[in-house]
Amino acid sequence: MAVLPILTAPDPRLKQKAAAVAAVDDQVRRLMADMLETMYDAPGIGLAAPQIGVGKRVIVLDIGKSEEDRYPIEMANPEIVWASDDDNSYEEGCLSVPEHYAQVVRPRAVRVRYLDRQNEIREMEADGLLATVLQHEMDHLDGVLFIDHISSIRRNMILRKLLKSKKEAVPVR
């Protein structure tokens, strides 16, 4: 397993739509394992393949509060097959939008169909924080960041700050 670099906005690769996985094979399982290690190292509670520069429809998440509570979830080709009419609002953050947070409204509960590590089709129902994290990570697969759900003024301010910090991090030759 390997800890991989995480792309940060406004990297254009974060805005691209990811391609479906033909099957969960050893290569995809290795990607999932590397993504989990990267997510735990960051630390975060979710990670999508586009965030590490891989244009595949693969996400991993774990909302456990501690190492003892870990319950990693790995999904390929996740799709929402049902969403509740009730909404929840959570303050979201993102490893690709470091140190910025905003309230985002999403459906309170969802049912997701996906391929698991064994290439089996599964369905999972989730509500609350788990539903929010699933939807957040699935957005990445379509090139959508959580800041795309907030006002354009606030989004542009965040993107300007991220661009400025990237420029300041580049050494001058």
N, C-alpha and C. Protein backbone atom coordinates (compact mmCIF):
# COMPACT_ATOMS: atom_id res chain seq x y z
N MET A 1 0.85 -1.18 0.00
CA MET A 1 0.00 0.00 0.00
C MET A 1 0.89 1.24 0.00
N ALA A 2 0.31 2.35 -0.46
CA ALA A 2 1.08 3.58 -0.58
C ALA A 2 0.21 4.79 -0.25
N VAL A 3 0.85 5.78 0.36
CA VAL A 3 0.19 7.06 0.57
C VAL A 3 0.45 7.89 -0.67
N LEU A 4 -0.62 8.34 -1.31
CA LEU A 4 -0.51 9.06 -2.58
C LEU A 4 -0.79 10.55 -2.38
N PRO A 5 -0.22 11.40 -3.26
CA PRO A 5 -0.50 12.83 -3.16
C PRO A 5 -1.96 13.14 -3.53
N ILE A 6 -2.56 14.06 -2.79
CA ILE A 6 -3.95 14.46 -3.02
C ILE A 6 -3.96 15.79 -3.78
N LEU A 7 -4.71 15.81 -4.89
CA LEU A 7 -4.84 17.03 -5.67
C LEU A 7 -5.65 18.06 -4.89
N THR A 8 -5.31 19.33 -5.07
CA THR A 8 -6.10 20.39 -4.44
C THR A 8 -6.65 21.33 -5.51
N ALA A 9 -7.82 21.87 -5.23
CA ALA A 9 -8.46 22.83 -6.12
C ALA A 9 -7.55 24.05 -6.23
N PRO A 10 -7.52 24.69 -7.37
CA PRO A 10 -8.36 24.49 -8.56
C PRO A 10 -7.75 23.59 -9.63
N ASP A 11 -7.15 22.47 -9.28
CA ASP A 11 -6.58 21.54 -10.26
C ASP A 11 -7.68 21.10 -11.22
N PRO A 12 -7.49 21.26 -12.53
CA PRO A 12 -8.54 20.93 -13.50
C PRO A 12 -8.94 19.46 -13.51
N ARG A 13 -8.06 18.56 -13.05
CA ARG A 13 -8.40 17.13 -13.03
C ARG A 13 -9.54 16.84 -12.06
N LEU A 14 -9.74 17.72 -11.07
CA LEU A 14 -10.83 17.53 -10.12
C LEU A 14 -12.20 17.83 -10.74
N LYS A 15 -12.21 18.47 -11.89
CA LYS A 15 -13.47 18.85 -12.54
C LYS A 15 -13.87 17.87 -13.66
N GLN A 16 -13.06 16.83 -13.87
CA GLN A 16 -13.36 15.87 -14.93
C GLN A 16 -14.24 14.73 -14.42
N LYS A 17 -15.08 14.23 -15.30
CA LYS A 17 -15.93 13.09 -14.96
C LYS A 17 -15.11 11.80 -15.04
N ALA A 18 -15.23 10.96 -14.02
CA ALA A 18 -14.47 9.71 -13.97
C ALA A 18 -15.16 8.62 -14.79
N ALA A 19 -14.35 7.70 -15.29
CA ALA A 19 -14.85 6.58 -16.10
C ALA A 19 -15.24 5.40 -15.22
N ALA A 20 -16.24 4.66 -15.65
CA ALA A 20 -16.67 3.46 -14.93
C ALA A 20 -15.56 2.41 -14.93
N VAL A 21 -15.56 1.61 -13.89
CA VAL A 21 -14.62 0.50 -13.77
C VAL A 21 -15.27 -0.71 -14.44
N ALA A 22 -14.55 -1.40 -15.32
CA ALA A 22 -15.11 -2.57 -16.00
C ALA A 22 -15.39 -3.70 -15.01
N ALA A 23 -14.45 -3.90 -14.07
CA ALA A 23 -14.59 -4.94 -13.05
C ALA A 23 -13.63 -4.61 -11.92
N VAL A 24 -13.98 -5.05 -10.71
CA VAL A 24 -13.07 -4.88 -9.59
C VAL A 24 -12.10 -6.05 -9.62
N ASP A 25 -10.90 -5.77 -10.13
CA ASP A 25 -9.85 -6.77 -10.24
C ASP A 25 -8.73 -6.41 -9.25
N ASP A 26 -7.60 -7.10 -9.36
CA ASP A 26 -6.49 -6.85 -8.43
C ASP A 26 -6.00 -5.40 -8.51
N GLN A 27 -6.00 -4.84 -9.72
CA GLN A 27 -5.55 -3.45 -9.88
C GLN A 27 -6.49 -2.48 -9.14
N VAL A 28 -7.78 -2.69 -9.26
CA VAL A 28 -8.75 -1.81 -8.58
C VAL A 28 -8.68 -2.03 -7.06
N ARG A 29 -8.50 -3.29 -6.63
CA ARG A 29 -8.36 -3.55 -5.19
C ARG A 29 -7.12 -2.87 -4.63
N ARG A 30 -6.04 -2.86 -5.39
CA ARG A 30 -4.81 -2.16 -4.98
C ARG A 30 -5.07 -0.66 -4.88
N LEU A 31 -5.79 -0.11 -5.86
CA LEU A 31 -6.16 1.31 -5.83
C LEU A 31 -6.97 1.61 -4.57
N MET A 32 -7.95 0.77 -4.27
CA MET A 32 -8.78 0.96 -3.07
C MET A 32 -7.93 0.95 -1.80
N ALA A 33 -7.00 0.01 -1.71
CA ALA A 33 -6.13 -0.09 -0.53
C ALA A 33 -5.25 1.16 -0.40
N ASP A 34 -4.69 1.61 -1.52
CA ASP A 34 -3.86 2.82 -1.50
C ASP A 34 -4.69 4.05 -1.12
N MET A 35 -5.92 4.09 -1.62
CA MET A 35 -6.81 5.22 -1.30
C MET A 35 -7.14 5.23 0.20
N LEU A 36 -7.42 4.06 0.77
CA LEU A 36 -7.70 4.01 2.21
C LEU A 36 -6.50 4.47 3.01
N GLU A 37 -5.32 4.00 2.66
CA GLU A 37 -4.11 4.42 3.38
C GLU A 37 -3.91 5.93 3.26
N THR A 38 -4.12 6.46 2.07
CA THR A 38 -3.99 7.90 1.84
C THR A 38 -5.00 8.68 2.66
N MET A 39 -6.25 8.20 2.67
CA MET A 39 -7.32 8.87 3.43
C MET A 39 -7.01 8.87 4.92
N TYR A 40 -6.61 7.73 5.47
CA TYR A 40 -6.30 7.66 6.90
C TYR A 40 -5.10 8.55 7.25
N ASP A 41 -4.12 8.62 6.36
CA ASP A 41 -2.93 9.41 6.60
C ASP A 41 -3.23 10.91 6.59
N ALA A 42 -4.22 11.33 5.81
CA ALA A 42 -4.48 12.76 5.57
C ALA A 42 -4.76 13.62 6.82
N PRO A 43 -5.54 13.33 7.79
CA PRO A 43 -6.57 12.30 7.87
C PRO A 43 -7.89 12.82 7.31
N GLY A 44 -8.69 11.88 6.78
CA GLY A 44 -9.99 12.23 6.24
C GLY A 44 -10.96 11.10 6.49
N ILE A 45 -12.22 11.32 6.06
CA ILE A 45 -13.25 10.28 6.23
C ILE A 45 -13.79 9.79 4.89
N GLY A 46 -13.25 10.32 3.79
CA GLY A 46 -13.66 9.88 2.47
C GLY A 46 -12.64 10.32 1.44
N LEU A 47 -12.54 9.56 0.36
CA LEU A 47 -11.63 9.91 -0.73
C LEU A 47 -12.15 9.28 -2.01
N ALA A 48 -12.09 10.05 -3.09
CA ALA A 48 -12.49 9.57 -4.41
C ALA A 48 -11.24 9.49 -5.29
N ALA A 49 -11.22 8.52 -6.20
CA ALA A 49 -10.05 8.32 -7.06
C ALA A 49 -9.62 9.60 -7.80
N PRO A 50 -10.55 10.43 -8.31
CA PRO A 50 -10.10 11.66 -8.98
C PRO A 50 -9.26 12.58 -8.08
N GLN A 51 -9.43 12.47 -6.77
CA GLN A 51 -8.66 13.31 -5.86
C GLN A 51 -7.18 12.93 -5.83
N ILE A 52 -6.85 11.74 -6.30
CA ILE A 52 -5.45 11.34 -6.40
C ILE A 52 -5.03 11.24 -7.86
N GLY A 53 -5.80 11.87 -8.73
CA GLY A 53 -5.45 11.93 -10.15
C GLY A 53 -5.80 10.70 -10.95
N VAL A 54 -6.66 9.83 -10.42
CA VAL A 54 -7.08 8.61 -11.13
C VAL A 54 -8.53 8.79 -11.57
N GLY A 55 -8.76 8.81 -12.87
CA GLY A 55 -10.09 9.06 -13.42
C GLY A 55 -10.99 7.84 -13.45
N LYS A 56 -11.12 7.16 -12.32
CA LYS A 56 -11.98 5.98 -12.22
C LYS A 56 -13.05 6.21 -11.16
N ARG A 57 -14.19 5.56 -11.34
CA ARG A 57 -15.32 5.71 -10.42
C ARG A 57 -15.14 4.79 -9.21
N VAL A 58 -14.24 5.20 -8.34
CA VAL A 58 -13.91 4.44 -7.13
C VAL A 58 -13.87 5.42 -5.96
N ILE A 59 -14.54 5.03 -4.85
CA ILE A 59 -14.50 5.83 -3.63
C ILE A 59 -14.23 4.92 -2.44
N VAL A 60 -13.66 5.53 -1.40
CA VAL A 60 -13.49 4.84 -0.11
C VAL A 60 -13.93 5.81 0.98
N LEU A 61 -14.44 5.26 2.08
CA LEU A 61 -14.83 6.11 3.20
C LEU A 61 -14.83 5.31 4.49
N ASP A 62 -14.74 6.04 5.58
CA ASP A 62 -14.78 5.45 6.90
C ASP A 62 -15.07 6.57 7.88
N ILE A 63 -16.26 6.52 8.50
CA ILE A 63 -16.64 7.59 9.43
C ILE A 63 -16.36 7.23 10.88
N GLY A 64 -15.60 6.15 11.09
CA GLY A 64 -15.22 5.77 12.45
C GLY A 64 -14.43 6.89 13.12
N LYS A 65 -14.69 7.10 14.41
CA LYS A 65 -14.05 8.20 15.14
C LYS A 65 -12.61 7.89 15.54
N SER A 66 -12.27 6.61 15.65
CA SER A 66 -10.92 6.24 16.08
C SER A 66 -10.49 4.99 15.32
N GLU A 67 -9.23 4.62 15.51
CA GLU A 67 -8.71 3.43 14.83
C GLU A 67 -9.48 2.18 15.23
N GLU A 68 -9.93 2.12 16.48
CA GLU A 68 -10.70 0.96 16.95
C GLU A 68 -12.09 0.91 16.32
N ASP A 69 -12.62 2.06 15.92
CA ASP A 69 -13.96 2.15 15.34
C ASP A 69 -13.95 2.04 13.81
N ARG A 70 -12.81 1.79 13.21
CA ARG A 70 -12.72 1.79 11.75
C ARG A 70 -13.66 0.77 11.12
N TYR A 71 -14.36 1.24 10.08
CA TYR A 71 -15.23 0.39 9.28
C TYR A 71 -15.11 0.89 7.84
N PRO A 72 -14.01 0.52 7.17
CA PRO A 72 -13.79 1.04 5.81
C PRO A 72 -14.80 0.49 4.81
N ILE A 73 -15.23 1.37 3.93
CA ILE A 73 -16.16 1.02 2.86
C ILE A 73 -15.48 1.35 1.54
N GLU A 74 -15.47 0.37 0.63
CA GLU A 74 -14.84 0.55 -0.68
C GLU A 74 -15.89 0.30 -1.75
N MET A 75 -16.00 1.23 -2.70
CA MET A 75 -17.03 1.11 -3.73
C MET A 75 -16.47 1.45 -5.10
N ALA A 76 -16.91 0.68 -6.08
CA ALA A 76 -16.64 1.01 -7.48
C ALA A 76 -17.98 1.24 -8.16
N ASN A 77 -18.01 2.20 -9.05
CA ASN A 77 -19.22 2.54 -9.82
C ASN A 77 -20.44 2.79 -8.94
N PRO A 78 -20.31 3.54 -7.84
CA PRO A 78 -21.48 3.77 -7.00
C PRO A 78 -22.51 4.65 -7.71
N GLU A 79 -23.78 4.32 -7.47
CA GLU A 79 -24.86 5.15 -8.03
C GLU A 79 -25.99 5.21 -7.01
N ILE A 80 -26.58 6.38 -6.91
CA ILE A 80 -27.70 6.56 -6.00
C ILE A 80 -28.95 6.04 -6.69
N VAL A 81 -29.62 5.07 -6.06
CA VAL A 81 -30.83 4.50 -6.63
C VAL A 81 -32.09 5.02 -5.92
N TRP A 82 -31.89 5.70 -4.79
CA TRP A 82 -32.99 6.33 -4.08
C TRP A 82 -32.43 7.39 -3.15
N ALA A 83 -33.14 8.50 -3.02
CA ALA A 83 -32.76 9.55 -2.09
C ALA A 83 -34.02 10.04 -1.38
N SER A 84 -33.87 10.33 -0.09
CA SER A 84 -35.02 10.79 0.70
C SER A 84 -35.44 12.19 0.29
N ASP A 85 -36.68 12.51 0.57
CA ASP A 85 -37.17 13.87 0.32
C ASP A 85 -36.70 14.83 1.42
N ASP A 86 -36.36 14.27 2.60
CA ASP A 86 -35.87 15.09 3.70
C ASP A 86 -34.40 15.42 3.48
N ASP A 87 -34.03 16.65 3.88
CA ASP A 87 -32.65 17.09 3.73
C ASP A 87 -31.96 17.23 5.07
N ASN A 88 -30.64 17.18 5.03
CA ASN A 88 -29.77 17.47 6.17
C ASN A 88 -28.77 18.51 5.73
N SER A 89 -28.31 19.30 6.66
CA SER A 89 -27.26 20.27 6.39
C SER A 89 -26.07 19.92 7.27
N TYR A 90 -24.90 19.74 6.65
CA TYR A 90 -23.67 19.46 7.37
C TYR A 90 -22.61 20.47 6.96
N GLU A 91 -21.73 20.78 7.89
CA GLU A 91 -20.56 21.58 7.54
C GLU A 91 -19.55 20.62 6.91
N GLU A 92 -19.34 20.78 5.61
CA GLU A 92 -18.46 19.88 4.89
C GLU A 92 -17.08 20.51 4.69
N GLY A 93 -16.11 19.64 4.64
CA GLY A 93 -14.75 19.99 4.29
C GLY A 93 -14.29 18.97 3.27
N CYS A 94 -13.07 19.14 2.76
CA CYS A 94 -12.59 18.24 1.72
C CYS A 94 -11.08 18.26 1.69
N LEU A 95 -10.49 17.08 1.51
CA LEU A 95 -9.03 17.00 1.43
C LEU A 95 -8.49 17.75 0.21
N SER A 96 -9.33 17.95 -0.81
CA SER A 96 -8.92 18.70 -2.00
C SER A 96 -9.22 20.19 -1.90
N VAL A 97 -9.86 20.59 -0.81
CA VAL A 97 -10.14 22.00 -0.54
C VAL A 97 -9.71 22.26 0.91
N PRO A 98 -8.40 22.14 1.17
CA PRO A 98 -7.92 22.16 2.55
C PRO A 98 -8.23 23.44 3.31
N GLU A 99 -8.60 23.25 4.57
CA GLU A 99 -8.83 24.34 5.53
C GLU A 99 -10.01 25.23 5.19
N HIS A 100 -10.94 24.76 4.38
CA HIS A 100 -12.15 25.51 4.05
C HIS A 100 -13.35 24.61 4.31
N TYR A 101 -14.40 25.21 4.86
CA TYR A 101 -15.61 24.46 5.24
C TYR A 101 -16.84 25.29 4.88
N ALA A 102 -17.95 24.61 4.62
CA ALA A 102 -19.20 25.30 4.33
C ALA A 102 -20.38 24.37 4.60
N GLN A 103 -21.51 24.96 4.96
CA GLN A 103 -22.74 24.20 5.13
C GLN A 103 -23.26 23.79 3.76
N VAL A 104 -23.54 22.50 3.60
CA VAL A 104 -24.07 21.97 2.35
C VAL A 104 -25.32 21.17 2.68
N VAL A 105 -26.37 21.38 1.91
CA VAL A 105 -27.63 20.67 2.10
C VAL A 105 -27.70 19.53 1.08
N ARG A 106 -27.98 18.33 1.60
CA ARG A 106 -28.08 17.14 0.76
C ARG A 106 -29.24 16.28 1.29
N PRO A 107 -29.71 15.31 0.50
CA PRO A 107 -30.71 14.39 1.03
C PRO A 107 -30.22 13.70 2.31
N ARG A 108 -31.12 13.55 3.28
CA ARG A 108 -30.78 12.97 4.58
C ARG A 108 -30.39 11.50 4.47
N ALA A 109 -31.03 10.78 3.54
CA ALA A 109 -30.76 9.34 3.40
C ALA A 109 -30.69 8.99 1.91
N VAL A 110 -29.88 7.97 1.61
CA VAL A 110 -29.73 7.48 0.23
C VAL A 110 -29.58 5.97 0.22
N ARG A 111 -29.89 5.37 -0.90
CA ARG A 111 -29.57 3.96 -1.15
C ARG A 111 -28.63 3.96 -2.35
N VAL A 112 -27.50 3.29 -2.20
CA VAL A 112 -26.45 3.29 -3.21
C VAL A 112 -26.20 1.86 -3.70
N ARG A 113 -26.12 1.70 -5.02
CA ARG A 113 -25.75 0.42 -5.63
C ARG A 113 -24.31 0.56 -6.12
N TYR A 114 -23.49 -0.49 -5.91
CA TYR A 114 -22.07 -0.40 -6.24
C TYR A 114 -21.47 -1.79 -6.39
N LEU A 115 -20.23 -1.84 -6.86
CA LEU A 115 -19.45 -3.07 -6.88
C LEU A 115 -18.53 -3.06 -5.67
N ASP A 116 -18.48 -4.18 -4.94
CA ASP A 116 -17.61 -4.26 -3.77
C ASP A 116 -16.23 -4.82 -4.18
N ARG A 117 -15.37 -5.08 -3.20
CA ARG A 117 -14.01 -5.59 -3.44
C ARG A 117 -14.00 -6.91 -4.21
N GLN A 118 -15.07 -7.70 -4.06
CA GLN A 118 -15.14 -9.00 -4.73
C GLN A 118 -15.85 -8.92 -6.07
N ASN A 119 -16.10 -7.70 -6.55
CA ASN A 119 -16.78 -7.47 -7.83
C ASN A 119 -18.23 -7.92 -7.79
N GLU A 120 -18.81 -7.92 -6.59
CA GLU A 120 -20.23 -8.27 -6.42
C GLU A 120 -21.06 -7.00 -6.36
N ILE A 121 -22.24 -7.03 -6.98
CA ILE A 121 -23.15 -5.88 -6.90
C ILE A 121 -23.79 -5.88 -5.52
N ARG A 122 -23.72 -4.75 -4.85
CA ARG A 122 -24.29 -4.59 -3.51
C ARG A 122 -25.14 -3.33 -3.48
N GLU A 123 -25.99 -3.25 -2.46
CA GLU A 123 -26.73 -2.02 -2.18
C GLU A 123 -26.54 -1.70 -0.71
N MET A 124 -26.48 -0.43 -0.41
CA MET A 124 -26.32 0.03 0.96
C MET A 124 -27.25 1.22 1.18
N GLU A 125 -27.93 1.19 2.33
CA GLU A 125 -28.72 2.35 2.73
C GLU A 125 -27.93 3.10 3.78
N ALA A 126 -27.96 4.42 3.68
CA ALA A 126 -27.21 5.25 4.62
C ALA A 126 -28.02 6.49 4.94
N ASP A 127 -27.85 6.98 6.17
CA ASP A 127 -28.47 8.25 6.52
C ASP A 127 -27.47 9.06 7.34
N GLY A 128 -27.84 10.30 7.62
CA GLY A 128 -27.00 11.17 8.43
C GLY A 128 -25.63 11.40 7.80
N LEU A 129 -24.59 11.37 8.64
CA LEU A 129 -23.23 11.66 8.19
C LEU A 129 -22.78 10.69 7.09
N LEU A 130 -23.09 9.41 7.23
CA LEU A 130 -22.67 8.44 6.21
C LEU A 130 -23.27 8.78 4.85
N ALA A 131 -24.55 9.16 4.82
CA ALA A 131 -25.20 9.55 3.56
C ALA A 131 -24.53 10.79 2.97
N THR A 132 -24.18 11.73 3.83
CA THR A 132 -23.52 12.96 3.37
C THR A 132 -22.16 12.64 2.76
N VAL A 133 -21.37 11.80 3.45
CA VAL A 133 -20.04 11.47 2.95
C VAL A 133 -20.14 10.70 1.62
N LEU A 134 -21.07 9.77 1.53
CA LEU A 134 -21.27 9.05 0.27
C LEU A 134 -21.56 10.02 -0.88
N GLN A 135 -22.50 10.94 -0.65
CA GLN A 135 -22.88 11.88 -1.71
C GLN A 135 -21.72 12.81 -2.06
N HIS A 136 -20.97 13.25 -1.04
CA HIS A 136 -19.82 14.12 -1.25
C HIS A 136 -18.79 13.42 -2.14
N GLU A 137 -18.45 12.17 -1.79
CA GLU A 137 -17.44 11.45 -2.57
C GLU A 137 -17.95 11.11 -3.97
N MET A 138 -19.23 10.76 -4.09
CA MET A 138 -19.78 10.47 -5.42
C MET A 138 -19.80 11.72 -6.30
N ASP A 139 -19.98 12.90 -5.70
CA ASP A 139 -19.88 14.15 -6.47
C ASP A 139 -18.52 14.25 -7.16
N HIS A 140 -17.45 13.87 -6.45
CA HIS A 140 -16.11 13.94 -7.05
C HIS A 140 -16.03 13.15 -8.34
N LEU A 141 -16.77 12.05 -8.44
CA LEU A 141 -16.73 11.21 -9.64
C LEU A 141 -17.32 11.93 -10.85
N ASP A 142 -18.11 12.96 -10.60
CA ASP A 142 -18.70 13.76 -11.67
C ASP A 142 -18.06 15.14 -11.79
N GLY A 143 -16.91 15.32 -11.14
CA GLY A 143 -16.20 16.59 -11.23
C GLY A 143 -16.83 17.70 -10.41
N VAL A 144 -17.56 17.34 -9.36
CA VAL A 144 -18.24 18.32 -8.52
C VAL A 144 -17.57 18.35 -7.14
N LEU A 145 -17.24 19.55 -6.69
CA LEU A 145 -16.68 19.75 -5.35
C LEU A 145 -17.77 20.30 -4.43
N PHE A 146 -17.60 20.13 -3.12
CA PHE A 146 -18.62 20.65 -2.20
C PHE A 146 -18.80 22.15 -2.36
N ILE A 147 -17.77 22.86 -2.77
CA ILE A 147 -17.89 24.32 -2.94
C ILE A 147 -18.75 24.68 -4.15
N ASP A 148 -19.04 23.70 -5.00
CA ASP A 148 -19.96 23.95 -6.12
C ASP A 148 -21.40 24.03 -5.63
N HIS A 149 -21.63 23.65 -4.37
CA HIS A 149 -22.98 23.70 -3.78
C HIS A 149 -23.22 24.98 -2.98
N ILE A 150 -22.23 25.88 -2.95
CA ILE A 150 -22.38 27.13 -2.18
C ILE A 150 -22.43 28.32 -3.14
N SER A 151 -22.60 29.51 -2.62
CA SER A 151 -22.72 30.69 -3.47
C SER A 151 -21.45 30.90 -4.29
N SER A 152 -21.62 31.45 -5.49
CA SER A 152 -20.47 31.67 -6.37
C SER A 152 -19.49 32.66 -5.75
N ILE A 153 -19.98 33.63 -5.00
CA ILE A 153 -19.08 34.60 -4.36
C ILE A 153 -18.17 33.89 -3.37
N ARG A 154 -18.75 33.06 -2.51
CA ARG A 154 -17.96 32.33 -1.51
C ARG A 154 -17.03 31.32 -2.17
N ARG A 155 -17.53 30.62 -3.19
CA ARG A 155 -16.72 29.63 -3.91
C ARG A 155 -15.50 30.31 -4.54
N ASN A 156 -15.72 31.43 -5.23
CA ASN A 156 -14.61 32.13 -5.88
C ASN A 156 -13.59 32.64 -4.87
N MET A 157 -14.05 33.09 -3.71
CA MET A 157 -13.15 33.54 -2.67
C MET A 157 -12.25 32.38 -2.21
N ILE A 158 -12.85 31.22 -1.98
CA ILE A 158 -12.10 30.04 -1.54
C ILE A 158 -11.09 29.64 -2.62
N LEU A 159 -11.51 29.61 -3.88
CA LEU A 159 -10.61 29.22 -4.96
C LEU A 159 -9.44 30.19 -5.11
N ARG A 160 -9.70 31.49 -4.95
CA ARG A 160 -8.62 32.49 -5.01
C ARG A 160 -7.60 32.25 -3.89
N LYS A 161 -8.10 31.95 -2.69
CA LYS A 161 -7.19 31.68 -1.56
C LYS A 161 -6.36 30.43 -1.82
N LEU A 162 -6.98 29.38 -2.35
CA LEU A 162 -6.25 28.15 -2.64
C LEU A 162 -5.19 28.37 -3.73
N LEU A 163 -5.53 29.13 -4.75
CA LEU A 163 -4.59 29.43 -5.83
C LEU A 163 -3.42 30.24 -5.29
N LYS A 164 -3.71 31.21 -4.44
CA LYS A 164 -2.65 32.04 -3.83
C LYS A 164 -1.71 31.18 -2.99
N SER A 165 -2.27 30.28 -2.18
CA SER A 165 -1.42 29.44 -1.34
C SER A 165 -0.58 28.47 -2.19
N LYS A 166 -1.13 28.01 -3.33
CA LYS A 166 -0.34 27.16 -4.23
C LYS A 166 0.83 27.94 -4.82
N LYS A 167 0.57 29.18 -5.24
CA LYS A 167 1.64 30.01 -5.82
C LYS A 167 2.72 30.30 -4.79
N GLU A 168 2.31 30.54 -3.55
CA GLU A 168 3.27 30.84 -2.49
C GLU A 168 4.09 29.60 -2.12
N ALA A 169 3.57 28.42 -2.36
CA ALA A 169 4.27 27.18 -2.03
C ALA A 169 5.30 26.79 -3.07
N VAL A 170 5.20 27.36 -4.28
CA VAL A 170 6.13 27.02 -5.36
C VAL A 170 7.42 27.81 -5.15
N PRO A 171 8.57 27.10 -5.07
CA PRO A 171 9.84 27.82 -4.88
C PRO A 171 10.22 28.61 -6.11
N VAL A 172 10.78 29.79 -5.89
CA VAL A 172 11.22 30.66 -6.99
C VAL A 172 12.61 30.22 -7.41
N ARG A 173 12.84 30.13 -8.72
CA ARG A 173 14.16 29.69 -9.21
C ARG A 173 15.03 30.86 -9.54
